[in-house]
Protein backbone atom coordinates (compact mmCIF):
# COMPACT_ATOMS: atom_id res chain seq x y z
CA MET A 1 5.86 -15.58 -3.44
CA SER A 2 8.76 -14.47 -5.63
CA GLU A 3 11.06 -11.55 -4.91
CA THR A 4 9.48 -9.65 -7.82
CA ASP A 5 6.00 -10.20 -6.40
CA VAL A 6 7.05 -8.88 -2.98
CA ILE A 7 8.70 -5.80 -4.51
CA GLN A 8 5.60 -5.06 -6.55
CA ARG A 9 3.46 -5.44 -3.44
CA VAL A 10 5.68 -2.97 -1.56
CA ARG A 11 5.57 -0.57 -4.50
CA ARG A 12 1.78 -0.80 -4.83
CA ILE A 13 1.15 -0.16 -1.14
CA ALA A 14 3.53 2.83 -1.12
CA LEU A 15 1.89 4.36 -4.20
CA GLU A 16 -1.58 3.84 -2.74
CA GLU A 17 -0.56 5.73 0.39
CA ALA A 18 0.90 8.54 -1.74
CA LYS A 19 -2.47 8.91 -3.47
CA LYS A 20 -4.26 9.06 -0.13
CA SER A 21 -1.83 11.67 1.12
CA ALA A 22 -2.28 13.76 -2.02
CA ALA A 23 -6.01 13.69 -1.29
CA ALA A 24 -5.31 14.80 2.31
CA VAL A 25 -6.78 11.63 3.82
CA PRO A 26 -6.52 12.00 7.62
CA GLY A 27 -3.56 10.15 9.09
CA THR A 28 -1.45 10.40 5.94
CA VAL A 29 -0.45 14.08 6.22
CA ARG A 30 1.19 16.17 8.89
CA ILE A 31 -1.04 18.94 10.24
CA GLY A 32 0.85 22.03 11.39
CA HIS A 33 3.79 20.94 13.53
CA ASN A 34 2.14 17.71 14.67
CA ASN A 35 3.55 14.38 13.45
CA ASN A 36 0.44 12.49 14.55
CA VAL A 37 0.16 10.33 11.43
CA LYS A 38 -1.16 6.76 11.31
CA TYR A 39 2.31 5.39 10.56
CA ASN A 40 3.66 6.70 13.86
CA THR A 41 0.59 5.40 15.69
CA ALA A 42 1.24 1.91 14.32
CA TYR A 43 4.96 2.09 15.07
CA TYR A 44 4.78 3.42 18.63
CA GLY A 45 1.52 1.74 19.56
CA HIS A 46 -0.20 5.02 20.44
CA GLU A 47 -0.83 8.44 18.99
CA VAL A 48 2.04 10.92 19.16
CA SER A 49 2.06 14.70 19.12
CA GLY A 50 4.47 17.52 18.44
CA ALA A 51 7.29 18.07 16.00
CA ASN A 52 9.31 15.05 17.13
CA PHE A 53 8.75 11.53 15.81
CA LYS A 54 10.05 12.04 12.28
CA TRP A 55 8.46 9.42 10.07
CA CYS A 56 10.25 8.90 6.76
CA VAL A 57 11.67 5.59 8.04
CA VAL A 58 8.51 4.76 9.98
CA PHE A 59 6.50 5.08 6.77
CA ILE A 60 8.73 2.49 5.09
CA TRP A 61 8.45 0.21 8.13
CA TRP A 62 4.65 0.50 7.88
CA VAL A 63 4.67 -0.32 4.16
CA MET A 64 6.96 -3.31 4.71
CA ARG A 65 4.76 -4.57 7.52
CA LYS A 66 1.64 -4.27 5.37
CA ALA A 67 3.44 -6.16 2.61
CA GLY A 68 4.34 -8.96 5.00
CA VAL A 69 8.09 -8.31 4.82
CA PRO A 70 9.70 -9.80 7.97
CA ALA A 71 11.89 -7.94 10.47
CA THR A 72 14.95 -9.84 9.23
CA VAL A 73 14.59 -7.98 5.94
CA PHE A 74 13.54 -4.57 7.26
CA PRO A 75 13.94 -3.96 11.02
CA LYS A 76 11.79 -1.89 13.33
CA LEU A 77 13.99 1.20 13.45
CA ALA A 78 13.07 4.88 13.20
CA GLY A 79 16.48 6.40 12.37
CA VAL A 80 17.68 6.77 8.77
CA PHE A 81 21.33 6.04 9.51
CA LEU A 82 20.43 3.17 11.83
CA VAL A 83 18.63 1.59 8.88
CA ARG A 84 21.59 2.31 6.60
CA ASP A 85 23.97 0.68 9.08
CA PHE A 86 21.68 -2.36 9.38
CA PHE A 87 22.03 -2.92 5.64
CA LYS A 88 25.75 -2.12 5.64
CA GLU A 89 26.35 -4.82 8.25
CA ARG A 90 24.65 -7.30 5.94
CA HIS A 91 26.58 -6.14 2.87
CA ARG A 92 23.35 -4.92 1.29
CA PHE A 93 24.16 -1.21 0.99
CA GLU A 94 25.14 -0.03 -2.47
CA PRO A 95 27.13 3.19 -3.14
CA ALA A 96 25.53 6.22 -4.75
CA SER A 97 27.44 5.49 -7.97
CA SER A 98 25.71 2.11 -8.39
CA MET A 99 22.62 1.47 -10.53
CA PRO A 100 19.55 1.48 -8.24
CA GLU A 101 16.77 -1.07 -8.60
CA VAL A 102 13.04 -0.89 -8.00
CA GLY A 103 12.48 -1.81 -4.34
CA ASP A 104 15.75 -0.26 -3.17
CA LEU A 105 15.69 2.33 -0.41
CA VAL A 106 17.53 5.51 -1.34
CA VAL A 107 19.33 7.14 1.59
CA PHE A 108 20.04 10.85 1.54
CA LYS A 109 22.88 12.57 3.39
CA THR A 110 20.32 14.89 4.98
CA SER A 111 18.93 11.98 7.08
CA HIS A 112 16.05 11.16 4.77
CA ILE A 113 15.03 7.96 2.99
CA GLY A 114 12.58 6.86 0.30
CA ILE A 115 11.45 3.81 -1.65
CA VAL A 116 12.70 3.55 -5.24
CA GLU A 117 9.53 2.81 -7.22
CA ASN A 118 10.94 3.24 -10.72
CA VAL A 119 14.20 3.79 -12.58
CA GLN A 120 14.39 5.30 -16.05
CA GLY A 121 17.89 5.84 -17.39
CA ASN A 122 19.64 8.27 -15.05
CA THR A 123 16.45 9.23 -13.22
CA ILE A 124 15.09 7.52 -10.14
CA PHE A 125 11.50 7.90 -8.95
CA THR A 126 10.68 7.57 -5.29
CA VAL A 127 7.86 7.43 -2.76
CA GLU A 128 8.81 9.23 0.46
CA GLY A 129 7.13 9.65 3.82
CA ASN A 130 7.47 12.89 5.79
CA ALA A 131 8.32 14.75 2.59
CA SER A 132 7.12 18.32 3.08
CA ASP A 133 4.50 17.13 5.57
CA MET A 134 3.09 14.30 3.47
CA ILE A 135 3.84 11.24 1.33
CA ARG A 136 5.19 12.37 -2.00
CA ARG A 137 6.38 10.92 -5.28
CA ARG A 138 9.64 12.55 -6.28
CA SER A 139 12.33 12.15 -8.92
CA TYR A 140 16.10 12.65 -8.81
CA SER A 141 19.07 12.40 -11.08
CA ARG A 142 21.31 9.48 -10.16
CA SER A 143 24.14 12.00 -9.92
CA ASN A 144 22.36 13.99 -7.19
CA ALA A 145 25.07 14.92 -4.69
CA ASN A 146 22.70 14.40 -1.76
CA ILE A 147 22.33 10.67 -2.39
CA ASP A 148 24.36 8.63 0.09
CA GLY A 149 23.56 5.22 -1.38
CA TYR A 150 20.95 2.48 -1.64
CA CYS A 151 19.76 -0.17 0.80
CA ARG A 152 18.84 -3.35 -1.04
CA PRO A 153 16.44 -5.47 1.05
CA ALA A 154 16.71 -9.24 0.71
CA TYR A 155 13.08 -9.61 -0.31
CA GLU A 156 13.65 -13.24 -1.28
CA GLU A 157 14.61 -14.13 2.29
CA ASP A 158 11.95 -16.31 3.90
CA ASP A 159 13.74 -17.95 6.83
CA MET A 160 11.87 -16.63 9.90
CA THR A 161 12.20 -17.11 13.61
CA LYS A 162 9.02 -17.58 15.64
CA ASP A 163 9.06 -13.92 16.71
CA GLU A 164 9.53 -12.78 13.12
CA LEU A 165 6.69 -15.03 11.97
CA LEU A 166 4.40 -13.51 14.58
CA ASP A 167 5.46 -10.02 13.49
CA ALA A 168 4.63 -10.86 9.88
CA LEU A 169 1.32 -12.46 10.85
CA GLU A 170 0.30 -9.19 12.50
CA SER A 171 0.41 -7.52 9.09
CA GLU A 172 -2.73 -7.23 6.97
CA ARG A 173 -1.47 -9.91 4.61
CA GLY A 174 -0.51 -12.13 7.52
CA GLN A 175 -3.94 -11.81 9.13
CA LYS A 176 -5.58 -12.99 5.92
CA ALA A 177 -3.10 -15.86 5.60
CA LEU A 178 -3.64 -16.87 9.22
CA GLN A 179 -7.41 -16.87 8.85
CA LYS A 180 -7.23 -18.93 5.67
CA ALA A 181 -4.71 -21.40 7.08
CA VAL A 182 -6.52 -21.92 10.37
CA THR A 183 -9.82 -22.43 8.53
CA HIS A 184 -8.14 -25.01 6.31
CA VAL A 185 -6.61 -26.89 9.27
CA LEU A 186 -9.97 -27.07 11.01
CA ARG A 187 -11.71 -28.24 7.82
CA VAL A 188 -9.07 -30.96 7.38
CA ALA A 189 -9.65 -32.05 10.97
CA THR A 190 -13.36 -32.51 10.24
CA GLY A 191 -12.77 -34.22 6.90
CA LYS A 192 -14.09 -31.34 4.79
CA ASP A 193 -10.78 -30.46 3.07
CA ASP A 194 -7.97 -32.37 1.40
CA ALA A 195 -4.98 -32.29 3.78
CA SER A 196 -2.55 -32.24 0.84
CA GLN A 197 -3.73 -28.82 -0.34
CA PRO A 198 -1.87 -25.81 1.14
CA ALA A 199 -3.75 -22.69 2.15
CA GLY A 200 -2.07 -19.31 1.88
CA VAL A 201 1.43 -18.08 2.58
CA TRP A 202 3.39 -19.45 5.55
CA PHE A 203 0.94 -22.37 5.72
CA ASP A 204 3.40 -24.88 7.15
CA GLU A 205 4.40 -22.53 9.98
CA VAL A 206 0.79 -21.68 10.79
CA ARG A 207 -0.23 -25.35 10.67
CA THR A 208 2.57 -26.21 13.12
CA LYS A 209 1.53 -23.45 15.51
CA VAL A 210 -2.13 -24.53 15.34
CA ARG A 211 -1.13 -28.11 16.15
CA GLU A 212 0.93 -26.91 19.11
CA ILE A 213 -2.05 -24.95 20.43
CA ARG A 214 -4.30 -27.99 19.94
CA GLN A 215 -1.93 -30.15 22.00
CA ARG A 216 -1.89 -27.65 24.84
CA VAL A 217 -5.67 -27.40 24.85
CA HIS A 218 -6.14 -31.18 24.84
């Protein structure tokens, strides 16, 4: 999948969640002072309660995970400036004066972050979690004094470790790819499929893991 395809997938998922939040779908909005949203539940592995557990970064982590973006590209972190520093260390943080791109993550000096979903001239359009208790689409002038800069994920990066592959396979996209790849491997083993035909993303990695499991079983 190309970098453009991945960015569009991230953008689509973020916009879909914004629509759900605008419709007050449970789990996508903050109720009262309780940050018990589905994004925090996925991140922490259990429901949370209270005013802690800010989720602007967690929302982006959730979107990236759903899009199948590996942890090498966007890490499992909940702090805005921790994310910014992650990208700075990799020389993928652009100053506020630079021209943002769709798929960038705009960092604000007030410890807030959003996904850049569109750029028109000097105006950027974002999707932001934990924005006035919900997921909101917002727009800003590029000269906004509150903008600290832009994280630019390496969406084209596809070199994964085993742990990162497993993390990606836990995503919705990864689950579908795993199911398709495993089905294909089993059909090849029984002579029902052509072994030369790939099946889904990350097929080679999945095929290798399936073969390893087979060897252990037999």
